[in-house]
Amino acid sequence: MAGVYDTIRLFFQAKLPRYLQNLPFPKSPEGFTSLSREEWIQLAPFIMLVCLFLWIMIKPILSGLFPQKQKRPKHIVNKKVKKEEPKVVDTVQIEDIGDKKAFCRCWKSKNFPYCDGSHNKHNEEQGDNVGPLKIVK
């Protein structure tokens, strides 16, 4: 373990400073325009490393400032019923139905899965014709 540490320490204390000293940094920003092709090739790894480091440092800040909205389809049918579940599945025992029962198909019922007539308002607003599923014995 000491050998690995010594190699890393030597790199940062001796090799890296020598590498940085030998890079062809111009004295002013305008000096970049007069660099030769070979000097640009020599600078390229360092510039890419600096850009990568800056991106790694700035990306979390930008993500906090501009959070990405979760992508969902524009025309979601179910807007409020059991949204925390991956799929809404309700089971009703046949004995519980009685003579008849109406089941919601518009997803707007406050008594889901049973129909409470919410589709009437939806139909008026949207020009739709959705209605319940009626089960009769």
C-alpha atoms as a PDB file:
ATOM      1  CA  MET A   1       0.000   0.000   0.000  1.00  0.00           C
ATOM      2  CA  ALA A   2       2.874   2.357   0.744  1.00  0.00           C
ATOM      3  CA  GLY A   3       4.207   1.831  -2.808  1.00  0.00           C
ATOM      4  CA  VAL A   4       0.914   2.946  -4.365  1.00  0.00           C
ATOM      5  CA  TYR A   5       0.764   5.986  -2.088  1.00  0.00           C
ATOM      6  CA  ASP A   6       4.359   6.923  -2.938  1.00  0.00           C
ATOM      7  CA  THR A   7       3.602   6.667  -6.667  1.00  0.00           C
ATOM      8  CA  ILE A   8       0.567   8.941  -6.326  1.00  0.00           C
ATOM      9  CA  ARG A   9       2.490  11.399  -4.113  1.00  0.00           C
ATOM     10  CA  LEU A  10       5.392  11.502  -6.584  1.00  0.00           C
ATOM     11  CA  PHE A  11       2.986  12.149  -9.458  1.00  0.00           C
ATOM     12  CA  PHE A  12       1.338  15.123  -7.735  1.00  0.00           C
ATOM     13  CA  GLN A  13       4.516  16.570  -6.217  1.00  0.00           C
ATOM     14  CA  ALA A  14       6.989  16.112  -9.062  1.00  0.00           C
ATOM     15  CA  LYS A  15       5.546  14.901 -12.359  1.00  0.00           C
ATOM     16  CA  LEU A  16       2.364  16.987 -12.497  1.00  0.00           C
ATOM     17  CA  PRO A  17       4.090  20.322 -11.779  1.00  0.00           C
ATOM     18  CA  ARG A  18       6.683  19.544 -14.456  1.00  0.00           C
ATOM     19  CA  TYR A  19       3.919  18.685 -16.931  1.00  0.00           C
ATOM     20  CA  LEU A  20       2.050  21.902 -16.127  1.00  0.00           C
ATOM     21  CA  GLN A  21       5.225  24.013 -16.416  1.00  0.00           C
ATOM     22  CA  ASN A  22       5.910  22.597 -19.874  1.00  0.00           C
ATOM     23  CA  LEU A  23       2.433  23.417 -21.239  1.00  0.00           C
ATOM     24  CA  PRO A  24       2.486  26.268 -23.761  1.00  0.00           C
ATOM     25  CA  PHE A  25       0.202  28.692 -21.907  1.00  0.00           C
ATOM     26  CA  PRO A  26       0.225  32.122 -23.548  1.00  0.00           C
ATOM     27  CA  LYS A  27       0.775  35.234 -21.430  1.00  0.00           C
ATOM     28  CA  SER A  28      -2.688  36.631 -22.318  1.00  0.00           C
ATOM     29  CA  PRO A  29      -5.985  35.258 -23.644  1.00  0.00           C
ATOM     30  CA  GLU A  30      -5.218  36.821 -27.041  1.00  0.00           C
ATOM     31  CA  GLY A  31      -2.087  34.652 -27.186  1.00  0.00           C
ATOM     32  CA  PHE A  32      -4.214  31.558 -27.798  1.00  0.00           C
ATOM     33  CA  THR A  33      -4.792  32.776 -31.357  1.00  0.00           C
ATOM     34  CA  SER A  34      -1.088  32.577 -32.124  1.00  0.00           C
ATOM     35  CA  LEU A  35      -0.491  29.036 -30.820  1.00  0.00           C
ATOM     36  CA  SER A  36       0.818  26.527 -33.326  1.00  0.00           C
ATOM     37  CA  ARG A  37      -0.914  23.250 -34.107  1.00  0.00           C
ATOM     38  CA  GLU A  38       1.627  21.315 -32.036  1.00  0.00           C
ATOM     39  CA  GLU A  39       1.067  23.615 -29.054  1.00  0.00           C
ATOM     40  CA  TRP A  40      -2.701  23.102 -29.316  1.00  0.00           C
ATOM     41  CA  ILE A  41      -2.164  19.329 -29.421  1.00  0.00           C
ATOM     42  CA  GLN A  42      -0.005  19.633 -26.312  1.00  0.00           C
ATOM     43  CA  LEU A  43      -2.708  21.668 -24.529  1.00  0.00           C
ATOM     44  CA  ALA A  44      -5.673  19.492 -25.628  1.00  0.00           C
ATOM     45  CA  PRO A  45      -5.513  16.830 -22.863  1.00  0.00           C
ATOM     46  CA  PHE A  46      -5.225  19.480 -20.171  1.00  0.00           C
ATOM     47  CA  ILE A  47      -8.105  21.559 -21.608  1.00  0.00           C
ATOM     48  CA  MET A  48     -10.325  18.445 -21.881  1.00  0.00           C
ATOM     49  CA  LEU A  49      -9.511  17.480 -18.294  1.00  0.00           C
ATOM     50  CA  VAL A  50     -10.334  20.979 -17.038  1.00  0.00           C
ATOM     51  CA  CYS A  51     -13.627  20.978 -18.997  1.00  0.00           C
ATOM     52  CA  LEU A  52     -14.536  17.552 -17.592  1.00  0.00           C
ATOM     53  CA  PHE A  53     -13.730  18.704 -14.050  1.00  0.00           C
ATOM     54  CA  LEU A  54     -15.815  21.871 -14.486  1.00  0.00           C
ATOM     55  CA  TRP A  55     -18.732  19.877 -15.916  1.00  0.00           C
ATOM     56  CA  ILE A  56     -18.613  17.452 -12.975  1.00  0.00           C
ATOM     57  CA  MET A  57     -18.592  20.382 -10.544  1.00  0.00           C
ATOM     58  CA  ILE A  58     -21.272  22.498 -12.278  1.00  0.00           C
ATOM     59  CA  LYS A  59     -23.739  19.781 -13.332  1.00  0.00           C
ATOM     60  CA  PRO A  60     -25.198  19.220  -9.820  1.00  0.00           C
ATOM     61  CA  ILE A  61     -25.657  22.974  -9.425  1.00  0.00           C
ATOM     62  CA  LEU A  62     -27.409  23.255 -12.790  1.00  0.00           C
ATOM     63  CA  SER A  63     -29.566  20.220 -11.992  1.00  0.00           C
ATOM     64  CA  GLY A  64     -30.703  21.956  -8.817  1.00  0.00           C
ATOM     65  CA  LEU A  65     -31.473  25.200 -10.630  1.00  0.00           C
ATOM     66  CA  PHE A  66     -33.169  23.565 -13.619  1.00  0.00           C
ATOM     67  CA  PRO A  67     -34.706  20.277 -12.471  1.00  0.00           C
ATOM     68  CA  GLN A  68     -35.903  18.039 -15.268  1.00  0.00           C
ATOM     69  CA  LYS A  69     -39.577  17.260 -15.191  1.00  0.00           C
ATOM     70  CA  GLN A  70     -40.518  13.623 -15.208  1.00  0.00           C
ATOM     71  CA  LYS A  71     -41.456  12.700 -18.756  1.00  0.00           C
ATOM     72  CA  ARG A  72     -45.008  11.450 -19.020  1.00  0.00           C
ATOM     73  CA  PRO A  73     -47.340  11.105 -21.944  1.00  0.00           C
ATOM     74  CA  LYS A  74     -49.418  14.212 -22.601  1.00  0.00           C
ATOM     75  CA  HIS A  75     -52.761  12.400 -22.578  1.00  0.00           C
ATOM     76  CA  ILE A  76     -52.912  10.587 -19.265  1.00  0.00           C
ATOM     77  CA  VAL A  77     -56.300   9.034 -18.553  1.00  0.00           C
ATOM     78  CA  ASN A  78     -55.789   8.397 -14.844  1.00  0.00           C
ATOM     79  CA  LYS A  79     -54.881  11.688 -13.188  1.00  0.00           C
ATOM     80  CA  LYS A  80     -55.538  10.892  -9.517  1.00  0.00           C
ATOM     81  CA  VAL A  81     -56.483   7.280  -8.687  1.00  0.00           C
ATOM     82  CA  LYS A  82     -53.758   5.305  -6.859  1.00  0.00           C
ATOM     83  CA  LYS A  83     -50.911   7.123  -8.646  1.00  0.00           C
ATOM     84  CA  GLU A  84     -48.310   5.565  -6.341  1.00  0.00           C
ATOM     85  CA  GLU A  85     -49.057   2.110  -7.762  1.00  0.00           C
ATOM     86  CA  PRO A  86     -47.507   0.869 -11.034  1.00  0.00           C
ATOM     87  CA  LYS A  87     -50.910  -0.427 -12.237  1.00  0.00           C
ATOM     88  CA  VAL A  88     -54.391   0.104 -10.816  1.00  0.00           C
ATOM     89  CA  VAL A  89     -56.146  -3.220 -10.278  1.00  0.00           C
ATOM     90  CA  ASP A  90     -59.318  -3.561  -8.222  1.00  0.00           C
ATOM     91  CA  THR A  91     -61.014  -6.852  -7.384  1.00  0.00           C
ATOM     92  CA  VAL A  92     -64.699  -7.027  -6.524  1.00  0.00           C
ATOM     93  CA  GLN A  93     -66.263 -10.218  -5.234  1.00  0.00           C
ATOM     94  CA  ILE A  94     -69.328 -11.267  -7.246  1.00  0.00           C
ATOM     95  CA  GLU A  95     -71.296 -11.638  -3.990  1.00  0.00           C
ATOM     96  CA  ASP A  96     -70.677  -7.952  -3.200  1.00  0.00           C
ATOM     97  CA  ILE A  97     -72.297  -6.732  -6.418  1.00  0.00           C
ATOM     98  CA  GLY A  98     -75.908  -7.369  -5.457  1.00  0.00           C
ATOM     99  CA  ASP A  99     -78.486  -6.901  -8.245  1.00  0.00           C
ATOM    100  CA  LYS A 100     -76.452  -4.307 -10.120  1.00  0.00           C
ATOM    101  CA  LYS A 101     -73.306  -2.193  -9.807  1.00  0.00           C
ATOM    102  CA  ALA A 102     -71.804   0.580 -11.948  1.00  0.00           C
ATOM    103  CA  PHE A 103     -68.028   0.728 -12.331  1.00  0.00           C
ATOM    104  CA  CYS A 104     -66.149   3.892 -13.275  1.00  0.00           C
ATOM    105  CA  ARG A 105     -64.434   4.088 -16.667  1.00  0.00           C
ATOM    106  CA  CYS A 106     -63.561   7.805 -16.694  1.00  0.00           C
ATOM    107  CA  TRP A 107     -61.075   7.652 -13.775  1.00  0.00           C
ATOM    108  CA  LYS A 108     -62.666  10.707 -12.173  1.00  0.00           C
ATOM    109  CA  SER A 109     -64.869   9.015  -9.566  1.00  0.00           C
ATOM    110  CA  LYS A 110     -64.211   9.923  -5.949  1.00  0.00           C
ATOM    111  CA  ASN A 111     -65.504   6.433  -5.099  1.00  0.00           C
ATOM    112  CA  PHE A 112     -63.260   4.554  -7.580  1.00  0.00           C
ATOM    113  CA  PRO A 113     -63.666   1.780  -8.797  1.00  0.00           C
ATOM    114  CA  TYR A 114     -67.393   2.485  -8.441  1.00  0.00           C
ATOM    115  CA  CYS A 115     -69.069   5.147 -10.588  1.00  0.00           C
ATOM    116  CA  ASP A 116     -70.275   8.306  -8.836  1.00  0.00           C
ATOM    117  CA  GLY A 117     -71.442  10.133 -11.992  1.00  0.00           C
ATOM    118  CA  SER A 118     -68.274  12.222 -12.417  1.00  0.00           C
ATOM    119  CA  HIS A 119     -68.250  11.270 -16.102  1.00  0.00           C
ATOM    120  CA  ASN A 120     -71.244  13.590 -16.682  1.00  0.00           C
ATOM    121  CA  LYS A 121     -69.179  16.710 -15.914  1.00  0.00           C
ATOM    122  CA  HIS A 122     -66.255  15.315 -17.927  1.00  0.00           C
ATOM    123  CA  ASN A 123     -68.521  14.653 -20.918  1.00  0.00           C
ATOM    124  CA  GLU A 124     -69.948  18.197 -20.815  1.00  0.00           C
ATOM    125  CA  GLU A 125     -66.476  19.812 -20.577  1.00  0.00           C
ATOM    126  CA  GLN A 126     -64.734  17.591 -23.124  1.00  0.00           C
ATOM    127  CA  GLY A 127     -67.541  16.698 -25.521  1.00  0.00           C
ATOM    128  CA  ASP A 128     -66.885  13.063 -24.659  1.00  0.00           C
ATOM    129  CA  ASN A 129     -69.398  10.228 -24.264  1.00  0.00           C
ATOM    130  CA  VAL A 130     -67.792   8.004 -21.610  1.00  0.00           C
ATOM    131  CA  GLY A 131     -70.069   6.190 -19.169  1.00  0.00           C
ATOM    132  CA  PRO A 132     -69.852   3.499 -16.497  1.00  0.00           C
ATOM    133  CA  LEU A 133     -69.584  -0.242 -16.878  1.00  0.00           C
ATOM    134  CA  LYS A 134     -72.847  -1.652 -15.519  1.00  0.00           C
ATOM    135  CA  ILE A 135     -72.892  -5.185 -14.097  1.00  0.00           C
ATOM    136  CA  VAL A 136     -76.362  -6.674 -13.724  1.00  0.00           C
ATOM    137  CA  LYS A 137     -77.346 -10.093 -12.322  1.00  0.00           C
END
